[in-house]
Protein backbone atom coordinates (compact mmCIF):
# COMPACT_ATOMS: atom_id res chain seq x y z
CA MET A 1 -19.86 0.92 -17.94
CA TRP A 2 -21.99 -2.13 -17.11
CA PRO A 3 -24.46 -1.79 -20.04
CA ASP A 4 -21.60 -1.43 -22.54
CA LEU A 5 -19.75 -4.48 -21.18
CA ILE A 6 -22.92 -6.58 -21.16
CA GLN A 7 -23.74 -5.62 -24.76
CA LYS A 8 -20.22 -6.45 -25.94
CA ALA A 9 -20.47 -9.82 -24.22
CA LYS A 10 -23.79 -10.46 -25.99
CA ASP A 11 -22.35 -9.37 -29.34
CA GLY A 12 -19.52 -11.81 -28.74
CA GLY A 13 -21.96 -14.69 -28.50
CA LEU A 14 -22.37 -15.10 -24.74
CA ASP A 15 -25.70 -16.29 -23.37
CA VAL A 16 -24.79 -16.18 -19.68
CA ILE A 17 -22.95 -13.62 -17.55
CA GLN A 18 -21.14 -15.10 -14.58
CA THR A 19 -20.46 -12.87 -11.57
CA TYR A 20 -19.08 -13.18 -8.05
CA VAL A 21 -20.70 -11.92 -4.87
CA PHE A 22 -18.02 -10.26 -2.72
CA TRP A 23 -18.79 -10.81 0.95
CA ASN A 24 -16.42 -8.12 2.22
CA GLY A 25 -18.03 -5.58 -0.10
CA HIS A 26 -21.58 -6.42 0.93
CA GLU A 27 -21.08 -6.98 4.68
CA PRO A 28 -18.21 -4.67 5.77
CA SER A 29 -19.32 -5.02 9.39
CA PRO A 30 -21.30 -7.90 10.95
CA GLU A 31 -24.93 -7.76 9.78
CA GLU A 32 -24.46 -4.29 8.28
CA TYR A 33 -25.09 -4.72 4.57
CA TYR A 34 -24.18 -2.59 1.58
CA PHE A 35 -25.62 -2.87 -1.93
CA GLU A 36 -24.93 0.56 -3.40
CA GLY A 37 -22.68 1.88 -6.19
CA ARG A 38 -20.55 -0.77 -7.80
CA TYR A 39 -21.81 -3.26 -5.20
CA ASP A 40 -25.40 -2.89 -6.44
CA ILE A 41 -25.69 -6.50 -7.53
CA VAL A 42 -29.48 -6.28 -8.02
CA ARG A 43 -29.09 -3.47 -10.54
CA PHE A 44 -26.34 -5.40 -12.35
CA ILE A 45 -28.47 -8.54 -12.67
CA LYS A 46 -31.46 -6.53 -13.90
CA LEU A 47 -29.24 -4.93 -16.57
CA VAL A 48 -28.23 -8.40 -17.72
CA LYS A 49 -31.90 -9.35 -17.96
CA GLU A 50 -32.69 -6.21 -19.98
CA ALA A 51 -30.01 -7.29 -22.46
CA GLY A 52 -31.72 -10.66 -22.89
CA LEU A 53 -28.99 -12.69 -21.20
CA TYR A 54 -28.92 -15.08 -18.28
CA VAL A 55 -26.90 -15.00 -15.04
CA HIS A 56 -24.77 -17.56 -13.25
CA LEU A 57 -24.58 -16.20 -9.69
CA ARG A 58 -21.41 -17.29 -7.89
CA VAL A 59 -22.57 -16.73 -4.30
CA GLY A 60 -19.45 -18.38 -2.88
CA PRO A 61 -19.10 -16.63 -0.55
CA TYR A 62 -15.40 -17.43 -1.09
CA ALA A 63 -14.33 -15.84 -4.38
CA CYS A 64 -10.50 -15.79 -4.66
CA ALA A 65 -10.48 -13.55 -7.82
CA GLU A 66 -7.21 -11.86 -6.78
CA TRP A 67 -9.50 -10.10 -4.30
CA ASN A 68 -8.44 -9.08 -0.80
CA PHE A 69 -8.84 -11.98 1.66
CA GLY A 70 -10.52 -13.99 -1.08
CA GLY A 71 -13.65 -11.86 -0.66
CA PHE A 72 -14.01 -12.59 3.06
CA PRO A 73 -14.52 -9.62 5.42
CA VAL A 74 -11.56 -9.19 7.75
CA TRP A 75 -13.81 -9.17 10.82
CA LEU A 76 -14.36 -12.89 10.26
CA LYS A 77 -10.77 -13.51 11.36
CA PHE A 78 -11.55 -12.22 14.84
CA ILE A 79 -14.56 -14.41 15.63
CA PRO A 80 -13.50 -16.64 18.55
CA GLY A 81 -12.69 -20.20 17.53
CA ILE A 82 -13.17 -19.62 13.79
CA SER A 83 -11.41 -21.61 11.08
CA PHE A 84 -12.19 -20.75 7.47
CA ARG A 85 -13.69 -23.15 4.91
CA THR A 86 -13.81 -26.30 7.01
CA ASP A 87 -16.14 -28.17 9.35
CA ASN A 88 -16.07 -25.35 11.87
CA GLU A 89 -19.26 -24.20 13.57
CA PRO A 90 -18.42 -20.47 13.96
CA PHE A 91 -17.49 -20.21 10.26
CA LYS A 92 -20.46 -22.26 9.05
CA ALA A 93 -22.85 -20.07 11.06
CA VAL A 94 -21.76 -16.76 9.52
CA MET A 95 -21.28 -18.29 6.05
CA LYS A 96 -24.84 -19.64 6.23
CA ARG A 97 -26.21 -16.26 7.37
CA PHE A 98 -24.59 -14.38 4.46
CA THR A 99 -25.61 -16.98 1.87
CA GLU A 100 -29.20 -16.84 3.10
CA LYS A 101 -29.05 -13.03 2.91
CA ILE A 102 -27.98 -13.05 -0.75
CA VAL A 103 -30.40 -15.76 -1.83
CA GLY A 104 -33.19 -14.02 0.08
CA LEU A 105 -32.42 -10.74 -1.68
CA MET A 106 -32.54 -12.45 -5.08
CA LYS A 107 -35.91 -13.97 -4.18
CA GLU A 108 -37.30 -10.62 -3.01
CA GLU A 109 -36.39 -9.10 -6.37
CA GLU A 110 -37.72 -12.18 -8.23
CA LEU A 111 -34.43 -12.70 -10.02
CA PHE A 112 -34.25 -16.51 -10.08
CA GLU A 113 -35.39 -18.20 -13.30
CA SER A 114 -38.07 -20.05 -11.34
CA GLN A 115 -39.56 -16.58 -10.63
CA GLY A 116 -39.16 -15.29 -14.17
CA GLY A 117 -35.74 -13.80 -13.55
CA PRO A 118 -32.40 -14.25 -15.37
CA ILE A 119 -30.50 -16.34 -12.76
CA ILE A 120 -30.44 -19.87 -14.19
CA LEU A 121 -27.52 -21.25 -12.16
CA ALA A 122 -25.97 -20.59 -8.75
CA GLN A 123 -22.66 -21.60 -7.22
CA ILE A 124 -21.78 -22.39 -3.62
CA GLU A 125 -18.12 -22.20 -2.50
CA ASN A 126 -15.34 -21.90 -5.09
CA GLU A 127 -12.17 -23.76 -6.11
CA TYR A 128 -12.55 -26.06 -3.11
CA GLY A 129 -11.11 -29.27 -4.54
CA PRO A 130 -7.46 -28.64 -3.56
CA VAL A 131 -8.47 -27.51 -0.05
CA GLU A 132 -10.68 -30.55 0.51
CA TRP A 133 -7.85 -32.81 -0.62
CA GLU A 134 -5.39 -31.09 1.74
CA ILE A 135 -7.46 -31.07 4.93
CA GLY A 136 -9.23 -34.42 4.41
CA ALA A 137 -12.26 -35.43 6.49
CA PRO A 138 -13.16 -31.94 7.77
CA GLY A 139 -13.14 -30.76 4.17
CA LYS A 140 -15.50 -33.52 3.06
CA ALA A 141 -17.85 -32.70 5.93
CA TYR A 142 -17.79 -29.02 4.94
CA THR A 143 -18.53 -29.92 1.32
CA LYS A 144 -21.62 -31.82 2.43
CA PHE A 145 -22.66 -28.89 4.65
CA VAL A 146 -22.50 -26.30 1.84
CA ALA A 147 -24.22 -28.64 -0.61
CA ASP A 148 -27.09 -29.27 1.81
CA LEU A 149 -27.27 -25.55 2.57
CA ALA A 150 -27.53 -24.61 -1.11
CA VAL A 151 -30.17 -27.18 -2.00
CA GLY A 152 -32.21 -26.28 1.08
CA LEU A 153 -32.50 -22.61 0.15
CA GLY A 154 -35.24 -23.26 -2.40
CA ALA A 155 -33.83 -21.05 -5.13
CA GLY A 156 -35.49 -23.12 -7.83
CA VAL A 157 -32.32 -23.30 -9.96
CA PRO A 158 -29.47 -25.83 -10.09
CA TRP A 159 -26.43 -25.30 -7.86
CA VAL A 160 -22.86 -26.12 -8.81
CA MET A 161 -19.63 -26.19 -6.82
CA CYS A 162 -16.40 -25.27 -8.60
CA LYS A 163 -13.89 -28.01 -7.77
CA GLN A 164 -10.97 -26.85 -9.95
CA ASP A 165 -9.68 -30.25 -11.06
CA ASP A 166 -7.00 -28.97 -13.46
CA VAL A 167 -9.57 -26.99 -15.46
CA PRO A 168 -8.56 -23.54 -16.74
CA ASP A 169 -10.87 -20.78 -15.55
CA PRO A 170 -11.54 -18.54 -18.58
CA ILE A 171 -12.28 -14.87 -17.96
CA TYR A 172 -14.28 -12.92 -20.54
CA HIS A 173 -13.91 -9.62 -18.70
CA GLY A 174 -12.06 -9.34 -15.40
CA GLY A 175 -11.71 -5.59 -15.09
CA THR A 176 -9.91 -3.74 -12.33
CA ASN A 177 -9.84 -4.31 -8.57
CA PHE A 178 -9.96 -0.68 -7.47
CA GLY A 179 -9.05 0.68 -4.06
CA ARG A 180 -7.53 -1.79 -1.63
CA THR A 181 -9.71 -4.63 -2.89
CA ALA A 182 -6.82 -6.40 -4.65
CA GLY A 183 -5.35 -9.29 -2.69
CA GLY A 184 -2.90 -12.07 -3.28
CA PRO A 185 -0.76 -10.47 -1.87
CA PHE A 186 1.57 -8.55 -4.24
CA ILE A 187 -1.11 -7.78 -6.83
CA ALA A 188 -1.73 -4.18 -7.89
CA THR A 189 -5.16 -3.53 -9.43
CA SER A 190 -5.38 -5.38 -12.75
CA TYR A 191 -7.65 -8.42 -13.06
CA ASP A 192 -7.39 -8.42 -16.83
CA TYR A 193 -5.65 -11.72 -17.74
CA ASP A 194 -5.71 -10.86 -21.47
CA ALA A 195 -9.49 -11.29 -21.47
CA PRO A 196 -11.49 -10.80 -24.72
CA ILE A 197 -12.86 -7.56 -23.23
CA ASP A 198 -10.00 -5.78 -21.52
CA GLU A 199 -10.16 -3.82 -18.29
CA TYR A 200 -10.86 -0.60 -20.22
CA GLY A 201 -13.91 -2.22 -21.84
CA LEU A 202 -12.18 -2.44 -25.23
CA LEU A 203 -12.32 -5.51 -27.49
CA ARG A 204 -9.07 -7.48 -27.50
CA GLU A 205 -8.68 -8.72 -31.05
CA PRO A 206 -8.37 -11.26 -32.53
CA LYS A 207 -9.40 -13.08 -29.33
CA TRP A 208 -12.86 -11.51 -29.04
CA GLY A 209 -13.69 -12.07 -32.73
CA HIS A 210 -12.31 -15.61 -32.76
CA LEU A 211 -14.45 -16.54 -29.76
CA ARG A 212 -17.48 -14.85 -31.34
CA ASP A 213 -17.06 -17.07 -34.39
CA LEU A 214 -16.65 -20.12 -32.16
CA HIS A 215 -19.84 -19.28 -30.28
CA ARG A 216 -21.74 -18.90 -33.57
CA ALA A 217 -20.50 -22.29 -34.75
CA ILE A 218 -21.48 -24.00 -31.51
CA LYS A 219 -24.95 -22.45 -31.60
CA LEU A 220 -25.44 -23.87 -35.09
CA CYS A 221 -24.78 -27.28 -33.53
CA GLU A 222 -27.03 -26.70 -30.53
CA PRO A 223 -30.00 -28.92 -31.57
CA ALA A 224 -27.64 -31.85 -32.04
CA LEU A 225 -25.60 -31.18 -28.88
CA VAL A 226 -28.66 -31.33 -26.63
CA SER A 227 -30.03 -34.48 -28.25
CA GLY A 228 -27.70 -36.93 -26.53
CA GLU A 229 -24.18 -38.25 -26.09
CA PRO A 230 -21.78 -38.32 -29.04
CA SER A 231 -20.42 -41.33 -30.83
CA VAL A 232 -16.64 -41.29 -31.24
CA MET A 233 -15.03 -42.47 -34.46
CA SER A 234 -11.29 -42.92 -35.08
CA LEU A 235 -9.99 -41.08 -38.15
CA GLY A 236 -6.29 -41.86 -37.68
CA SER A 237 -3.56 -42.34 -35.08
CA TYR A 238 -4.15 -38.91 -33.52
CA GLN A 239 -7.46 -37.96 -35.12
CA GLU A 240 -11.08 -38.68 -34.28
CA ALA A 241 -14.62 -37.47 -34.89
CA HIS A 242 -17.22 -36.76 -32.21
CA VAL A 243 -20.63 -37.03 -33.86
CA TYR A 244 -23.90 -35.77 -32.36
CA LYS A 245 -27.08 -36.94 -34.07
CA TYR A 246 -30.46 -35.23 -34.15
CA GLN A 247 -33.39 -37.31 -33.04
CA SER A 248 -35.15 -36.29 -36.24
CA GLY A 249 -32.14 -37.09 -38.41
CA GLY A 250 -29.03 -35.18 -39.40
CA CYS A 251 -25.95 -34.59 -37.26
CA ALA A 252 -23.18 -32.25 -36.16
CA ALA A 253 -19.52 -33.31 -36.01
CA PHE A 254 -16.34 -32.17 -34.33
CA LEU A 255 -13.18 -33.38 -36.11
CA ALA A 256 -10.13 -33.33 -33.84
CA ASN A 257 -6.42 -33.54 -34.63
CA TYR A 258 -4.49 -34.26 -31.42
CA ASN A 259 -1.10 -34.18 -33.13
CA SER A 260 0.58 -30.98 -31.90
CA ASP A 261 3.17 -30.92 -34.72
CA SER A 262 1.59 -32.00 -38.00
CA PHE A 263 -1.39 -31.31 -40.26
CA ALA A 264 -3.66 -34.26 -40.92
CA ARG A 265 -5.83 -35.11 -43.94
CA VAL A 266 -8.79 -37.24 -42.84
CA SER A 267 -11.83 -38.82 -44.44
CA PHE A 268 -15.20 -38.31 -42.84
CA GLY A 269 -18.46 -39.20 -44.50
CA GLU A 270 -17.84 -38.82 -48.20
CA MET A 271 -15.44 -35.89 -47.90
CA HIS A 272 -11.82 -35.13 -46.99
CA TYR A 273 -10.74 -32.52 -44.46
CA ASN A 274 -7.40 -30.87 -43.66
CA LEU A 275 -6.94 -30.41 -39.93
CA PRO A 276 -4.19 -28.11 -38.58
CA PRO A 277 -2.07 -29.36 -35.67
CA TRP A 278 -3.88 -29.52 -32.33
CA SER A 279 -7.19 -28.23 -33.64
CA ILE A 280 -10.88 -29.00 -33.93
CA SER A 281 -13.06 -28.37 -36.97
CA ILE A 282 -16.79 -27.83 -36.41
CA LEU A 283 -19.28 -29.20 -38.96
CA PRO A 284 -22.86 -28.25 -37.94
CA ASP A 285 -24.31 -30.43 -40.71
CA CYS A 286 -21.59 -33.12 -40.70
CA LYS A 287 -20.43 -31.79 -44.08
CA ASN A 288 -19.33 -28.16 -44.14
CA THR A 289 -16.60 -26.74 -41.89
CA VAL A 290 -17.72 -23.42 -40.42
CA PHE A 291 -14.94 -23.02 -37.85
CA ASN A 292 -11.52 -24.38 -36.96
CA THR A 293 -9.92 -23.52 -33.62
CA ALA A 294 -6.46 -22.98 -35.16
CA ARG A 295 -7.58 -20.82 -38.09
CA VAL A 296 -8.05 -17.25 -36.91
CA GLY A 297 -10.11 -15.15 -39.28
CA SER A 298 -10.62 -12.09 -37.08
CA GLN A 299 -8.57 -8.96 -37.56
CA SER A 300 -5.92 -8.11 -34.99
CA SER A 301 -5.90 -4.87 -33.08
CA GLN A 302 -3.51 -3.23 -30.67
CA LYS A 303 -4.41 -0.76 -27.97
CA LYS A 304 -2.24 2.35 -27.92
CA MET A 305 -2.45 4.82 -25.07
CA VAL A 306 -1.56 8.35 -26.18
CA PRO A 307 -0.69 11.18 -23.77
CA VAL A 308 -3.38 13.79 -23.26
CA GLN A 309 -1.39 15.67 -20.64
CA GLU A 310 2.34 15.22 -20.03
CA VAL A 311 3.19 18.30 -17.97
CA PHE A 312 1.85 18.53 -14.43
CA SER A 313 2.38 21.15 -11.77
CA TRP A 314 3.31 18.94 -8.85
CA GLN A 315 3.34 19.79 -5.16
CA SER A 316 4.76 17.60 -2.42
CA TYR A 317 4.51 17.08 1.32
CA ASN A 318 7.01 15.02 3.31
CA GLU A 319 5.62 13.01 6.19
CA GLU A 320 7.82 12.46 9.22
CA ALA A 321 8.62 9.03 10.59
CA ALA A 322 6.74 8.00 13.71
CA THR A 323 8.73 8.10 16.97
CA TYR A 324 8.60 6.13 20.19
CA ASN A 325 5.86 7.58 22.36
CA ASP A 326 4.50 6.22 25.64
CA ASP A 327 1.20 7.96 24.85
CA LEU A 328 0.72 5.70 21.84
CA ASN A 329 -0.19 2.02 22.02
CA THR A 330 2.93 0.77 23.82
CA VAL A 331 3.57 -2.86 24.74
CA ILE A 332 6.48 -5.14 25.45
CA GLY A 333 7.23 -7.17 22.34
CA LEU A 334 6.20 -7.23 18.70
CA LEU A 335 2.61 -7.32 17.45
CA GLU A 336 1.29 -9.04 14.33
CA GLN A 337 0.21 -6.43 11.80
CA ILE A 338 -3.28 -7.53 10.66
CA ASN A 339 -4.39 -8.27 14.22
CA THR A 340 -3.38 -4.70 15.06
CA THR A 341 -4.61 -2.74 12.04
CA ARG A 342 -7.66 -4.89 11.25
CA ASP A 343 -6.68 -4.09 7.64
CA ALA A 344 -7.94 -0.51 8.00
CA THR A 345 -4.68 0.55 6.34
CA ASP A 346 -1.62 -0.98 4.68
CA TYR A 347 0.69 0.70 7.18
CA LEU A 348 1.82 0.00 10.76
CA TRP A 349 4.60 1.82 12.61
CA TYR A 350 6.80 -0.02 15.13
CA SER A 351 9.00 2.37 17.19
CA THR A 352 11.46 1.84 20.01
CA ASP A 353 14.38 3.65 21.67
CA VAL A 354 17.93 2.33 21.88
CA ASN A 355 20.44 3.83 24.32
CA VAL A 356 24.06 3.75 23.16
CA ASP A 357 26.89 4.02 25.68
CA PRO A 358 29.52 6.65 24.75
CA ASP A 359 32.21 3.98 25.25
CA GLU A 360 30.90 1.80 22.41
CA GLU A 361 33.84 0.77 20.22
CA PHE A 362 31.95 1.35 16.95
CA LEU A 363 31.78 5.08 17.78
CA LYS A 364 35.56 5.14 17.52
CA ASN A 365 36.28 2.79 14.59
CA GLY A 366 33.20 3.53 12.45
CA GLN A 367 32.18 -0.12 12.16
CA TYR A 368 28.52 0.46 12.83
CA PRO A 369 26.31 -2.33 14.24
CA VAL A 370 24.29 -4.52 11.87
CA PHE A 371 20.57 -4.17 12.41
CA THR A 372 18.58 -7.26 11.46
CA VAL A 373 14.79 -7.42 11.21
CA LEU A 374 12.78 -10.51 10.32
CA SER A 375 9.29 -9.76 9.04
CA ALA A 376 6.38 -11.85 7.84
CA GLY A 377 5.97 -9.28 5.05
CA HIS A 378 5.31 -7.64 2.83
CA ALA A 379 7.57 -4.55 2.72
CA LEU A 380 9.61 -2.65 5.31
CA HIS A 381 11.26 0.76 5.68
CA VAL A 382 13.78 1.23 8.50
CA PHE A 383 14.22 4.73 9.94
CA LEU A 384 16.90 5.82 12.42
CA ASN A 385 16.28 9.10 14.21
CA GLY A 386 13.82 10.11 11.53
CA GLN A 387 16.05 9.31 8.54
CA LEU A 388 15.54 6.41 6.12
CA SER A 389 18.21 3.77 6.77
CA GLY A 390 17.07 0.74 4.79
CA THR A 391 14.31 -0.90 2.78
CA ALA A 392 13.41 -4.56 2.17
CA TYR A 393 10.67 -6.34 0.20
CA GLY A 394 9.16 -9.79 0.15
CA SER A 395 7.69 -11.39 -2.98
CA LEU A 396 4.65 -13.25 -4.22
CA GLU A 397 6.57 -16.52 -3.90
CA ASP A 398 7.67 -15.73 -0.33
CA PRO A 399 6.23 -12.64 1.35
CA ARG A 400 8.64 -12.94 4.29
CA LEU A 401 11.66 -10.67 4.33
CA THR A 402 14.87 -10.00 6.21
CA SER A 403 16.37 -6.54 6.48
CA ASN A 404 20.10 -6.24 7.18
CA ASN A 405 21.78 -2.86 7.26
CA ASN A 406 24.33 -0.93 9.30
CA LEU A 407 22.79 1.62 11.63
CA LYS A 408 24.77 4.79 12.21
CA LEU A 409 23.84 5.01 15.85
CA ARG A 410 24.99 7.95 17.95
CA ALA A 411 25.91 8.09 21.61
CA GLY A 412 22.86 8.49 23.82
CA MET A 413 19.26 7.82 22.91
CA ASN A 414 18.32 6.71 19.36
CA THR A 415 14.86 6.10 17.95
CA ILE A 416 14.34 3.19 15.57
CA SER A 417 11.10 3.31 13.57
CA LEU A 418 9.96 0.46 11.35
CA LEU A 419 7.21 1.08 8.80
CA SER A 420 5.69 -2.27 7.90
CA ILE A 421 3.62 -2.29 4.72
CA ALA A 422 1.04 -4.88 3.67
CA VAL A 423 0.34 -5.31 -0.05
CA GLY A 424 -3.06 -6.99 0.15
CA LEU A 425 -4.14 -9.95 2.24
CA PRO A 426 -3.79 -13.60 1.17
CA ASN A 427 -6.70 -15.00 -0.81
CA ILE A 428 -5.92 -18.66 -1.42
CA GLY A 429 -4.79 -21.78 0.40
CA ALA A 430 -5.99 -23.77 3.40
CA HIS A 431 -6.52 -21.63 6.51
CA PHE A 432 -5.09 -18.48 4.92
CA GLU A 433 -6.68 -16.54 7.79
CA THR A 434 -3.79 -17.74 9.99
CA TRP A 435 -1.09 -16.24 7.77
CA ASN A 436 0.78 -13.37 9.36
CA ALA A 437 2.13 -10.00 8.26
CA GLY A 438 4.33 -7.43 9.92
CA VAL A 439 7.45 -7.52 12.09
CA LEU A 440 7.43 -10.67 14.19
CA GLY A 441 11.14 -10.74 14.91
CA PRO A 442 13.67 -11.33 16.02
CA VAL A 443 14.94 -7.75 15.84
CA MET A 444 18.66 -7.72 16.61
CA LEU A 445 21.63 -5.36 16.89
CA ASN A 446 24.99 -7.03 16.25
CA GLY A 447 28.34 -5.33 16.79
CA LEU A 448 27.98 -3.70 20.19
CA ASN A 449 30.51 -4.07 23.01
CA GLU A 450 28.09 -6.55 24.55
CA GLY A 451 27.99 -8.43 21.25
CA ARG A 452 24.35 -8.89 20.34
CA ARG A 453 21.33 -7.06 21.72
CA ASP A 454 17.84 -8.50 21.16
CA LEU A 455 15.33 -5.67 20.79
CA SER A 456 12.35 -7.97 20.25
CA TRP A 457 11.17 -7.95 23.83
CA GLN A 458 11.69 -4.35 24.83
CA LYS A 459 8.97 -1.70 24.76
CA TRP A 460 7.60 -0.83 21.31
CA SER A 461 5.02 1.83 20.51
CA TYR A 462 2.59 1.34 17.63
CA LYS A 463 0.86 3.77 15.31
CA ILE A 464 -1.73 2.51 12.84
CA GLY A 465 -1.59 4.15 9.42
CA LEU A 466 0.16 7.22 8.06
CA ALA A 467 -0.44 10.73 9.34
CA GLY A 468 -1.45 11.73 5.81
CA GLU A 469 -4.19 9.09 5.82
CA GLU A 470 -5.54 10.48 9.08
CA LEU A 471 -5.48 14.00 7.62
CA LYS A 472 -7.12 12.72 4.42
CA LEU A 473 -4.48 14.37 2.24
CA HIS A 474 -5.90 12.41 -0.71
CA SER A 475 -9.02 14.61 -0.66
CA ILE A 476 -9.31 18.21 -1.80
CA SER A 477 -10.44 19.40 1.64
CA GLY A 478 -7.87 17.34 3.54
CA SER A 479 -5.01 18.45 1.35
CA SER A 480 -5.54 22.03 2.48
CA THR A 481 -4.62 21.19 6.10
CA VAL A 482 -0.84 21.04 5.48
CA GLU A 483 1.71 23.21 3.70
CA TRP A 484 2.88 21.84 0.37
CA VAL A 485 5.99 22.81 -1.57
CA GLU A 486 6.16 23.22 -5.32
CA GLY A 487 8.46 23.92 -8.23
CA SER A 488 12.13 23.09 -7.64
CA LEU A 489 11.40 22.23 -4.00
CA VAL A 490 9.21 19.23 -4.88
CA ALA A 491 10.68 16.13 -3.24
CA GLN A 492 12.52 13.71 -5.53
CA GLN A 493 12.84 10.00 -4.72
CA GLN A 494 12.12 10.41 -1.02
CA SER A 495 10.12 7.99 1.08
CA LEU A 496 6.95 9.06 2.87
CA THR A 497 6.20 11.76 0.34
CA TRP A 498 2.72 12.79 -0.74
CA TYR A 499 2.33 14.32 -4.19
CA LYS A 500 -0.67 16.18 -5.57
CA THR A 501 -1.61 17.89 -8.81
CA THR A 502 -4.58 18.65 -11.02
CA PHE A 503 -5.33 17.65 -14.60
CA ASP A 504 -7.69 18.64 -17.37
CA SER A 505 -10.43 16.02 -17.70
CA PRO A 506 -10.88 15.11 -21.40
CA ASP A 507 -14.18 16.09 -23.01
CA TRP A 508 -14.39 12.91 -25.08
CA ASP A 509 -15.65 9.55 -23.84
CA VAL A 510 -12.59 7.31 -24.17
CA PRO A 511 -10.68 5.11 -21.72
CA LEU A 512 -8.36 7.14 -19.52
CA ALA A 513 -5.36 5.86 -17.56
CA LEU A 514 -2.64 7.23 -15.32
CA ASP A 515 0.89 6.14 -16.24
CA MET A 516 2.81 5.47 -13.01
CA GLY A 517 5.99 4.21 -14.66
CA SER A 518 8.12 6.97 -13.17
CA MET A 519 6.97 6.30 -9.61
CA GLY A 520 8.18 3.80 -7.02
CA LYS A 521 5.57 2.35 -4.67
CA GLY A 522 2.44 3.77 -3.10
CA GLN A 523 -1.25 4.42 -3.61
CA ILE A 524 -3.30 6.58 -5.99
CA TRP A 525 -6.42 8.67 -5.41
CA ILE A 526 -8.40 10.54 -8.06
CA ASN A 527 -10.88 13.14 -6.82
CA GLY A 528 -10.74 11.50 -3.40
CA HIS A 529 -11.48 8.00 -4.74
CA SER A 530 -8.91 5.26 -4.20
CA ILE A 531 -7.64 3.77 -7.47
CA GLY A 532 -5.39 1.32 -5.67
CA ARG A 533 -1.76 0.43 -5.10
CA TYR A 534 1.03 0.99 -7.60
CA TRP A 535 4.45 -0.66 -7.59
CA PRO A 536 6.15 -0.44 -11.00
CA ALA A 537 9.45 -1.51 -9.44
CA TYR A 538 7.96 -4.91 -8.59
CA LYS A 539 8.71 -6.97 -11.68
CA ALA A 540 6.87 -9.98 -13.07
CA SER A 541 8.94 -13.16 -12.77
CA GLY A 542 8.88 -16.31 -14.87
CA THR A 543 10.27 -17.61 -18.12
CA CYS A 544 8.94 -16.08 -21.32
CA SER A 545 9.57 -17.88 -24.60
CA ASN A 546 7.96 -18.36 -28.00
CA CYS A 547 4.22 -18.78 -27.59
CA SER A 548 2.38 -21.86 -28.85
CA TYR A 549 -0.84 -23.19 -27.37
CA THR A 550 -0.54 -26.51 -29.19
CA GLY A 551 -0.34 -29.48 -26.86
CA ILE A 552 -1.85 -30.04 -23.43
CA TYR A 553 -2.71 -26.81 -21.63
CA ASN A 554 -0.87 -25.62 -18.55
CA GLU A 555 -0.89 -22.23 -16.83
CA LYS A 556 2.79 -21.58 -17.64
CA LYS A 557 2.21 -21.53 -21.39
CA CYS A 558 2.67 -18.30 -23.30
CA LEU A 559 3.87 -16.18 -20.41
CA SER A 560 4.58 -12.61 -21.46
CA ASN A 561 6.10 -9.42 -20.08
CA CYS A 562 8.63 -11.26 -17.91
CA GLY A 563 10.83 -8.71 -16.18
CA ASP A 564 8.32 -5.90 -16.76
CA ALA A 565 6.20 -4.14 -14.16
CA SER A 566 3.60 -6.56 -12.82
CA GLN A 567 0.89 -3.98 -13.56
CA ASP A 568 0.33 -4.07 -17.33
CA GLY A 569 2.38 -1.30 -18.87
CA THR A 570 2.36 0.66 -15.56
CA MET A 571 -1.04 1.98 -16.68
CA PHE A 572 -3.83 2.38 -14.14
CA PRO A 573 -7.37 2.71 -15.57
CA LEU A 574 -9.49 5.59 -14.29
CA PRO A 575 -13.22 4.86 -14.15
CA GLY A 576 -15.31 7.54 -15.80
CA SER A 577 -17.69 7.63 -12.82
CA ILE A 578 -15.09 9.36 -10.63
CA LEU A 579 -13.86 11.93 -13.13
CA GLN A 580 -14.82 15.55 -12.57
CA LYS A 581 -14.89 18.17 -15.29
CA PRO A 582 -13.18 20.36 -16.16
CA ILE A 583 -10.48 19.73 -13.50
CA GLY A 584 -9.44 16.48 -11.82
CA PHE A 585 -7.45 16.09 -8.60
CA VAL A 586 -4.66 13.51 -8.16
């Protein structure tokens, strides 16, 4: 897919491809590096060079990018004394080591422009302005450290540092964060953001064509733009001209109308020009308008996904809830989830036993105790004696959650099992490595003869991950280790259910997606490869209204799909590289 995307970017007028370097993809374990498959950054950069384009390499190594943990490997969190992205010696040491590794690799492959390669610009850190402002002096010291580090690496190209001072960050192609690489939390897989090239690699019109025309117009002005600073001339109360003059004579002009409501007729040179509201006209020769930002001449197009297979022969397997077991990891009290799982899985079981006296009043009057769980997020299923008793979810705005439900306890011993589910790790904010997930308590029973019973500090057993993950039910070989049911016995709307089926892989080379609109929440695998998390029930929030980009930009403008599934259209792209013909396995 890379060559096709690069060519479409070139056809759209781009000169430079900008790409992140994801630390957690390239160094999954300390000093064990990986540059294969879709992490083969050398191959990607060489493909860009073959296309005749340049590269802006965003080494970071912090990325954000709606990527899990902002691109940092989770093992960083467990280095003694570490504090991310500040004047902290343990963090600076490993950040320096990885940055040197990447720059050294680029040098070995002679990929910097100073060596004849395509990399003309490099970036250290990312979106650091707000963090520096928040933490103060340690942030300023860290900024100086990363700047000195970058300059001292001898790459032979300029370095920049994205400060994010209220500047929108345009994406030309974002694509899809497959597997469990999406972070946030509460982000599924899409990193599309209505980009000119969508996550399927298709052109989004008229945006792609309009930008292509803009790029052509700017390139016509290039000799004037690089000749010096512009002179600014007032053309009216809300209108002005920015004029760039050639050293050898001639000029290029940009005529701006800052009025967001009204057209303006202005005089410039010996001619008159009509400027739409909140627009800029580009005159490469200071006479003829070749482009106006508000006049869209490109044709519109709309992507339509059509079913290629609507009937599947599903089979299901129900996984049992974990139970309290002294043979498992058992401790007194509640453990934080990420410290326990090391993000090897989204799932952590908390299990404990509760003994109920036969004389409890609720056994006679049916007013069952209220079970309350406070969790740092992100989702929680409550099981009593193996049966689902309640579910609670956090949100992007506040991942914490509180579960309140009546437990139908029986006399004698009862097992309470809590399945805590993470939906990606945080990727933004100062010291996001300190943010918690999982059940931190208190965990309370209210309505017993004794009044309230605090379960937080009794013995809990822990099981990391689901049994189906351990059995690798998502793979063809692993799925054969359990007995599945089919036909009318297939489970409907039950938690902890695995589903599998096969599909006919299309013979034609077109984008393929899996529509998960009928499903609740879980993960998808195709032919053993993780596509990522799905959660159609999690709806996009916000206020959607009539769209107009006139006026000063802000990120809340032109919101769309409010109240719809946060994943665009519930569709999940399937990369062609993982498809198997003639039969695929879901």
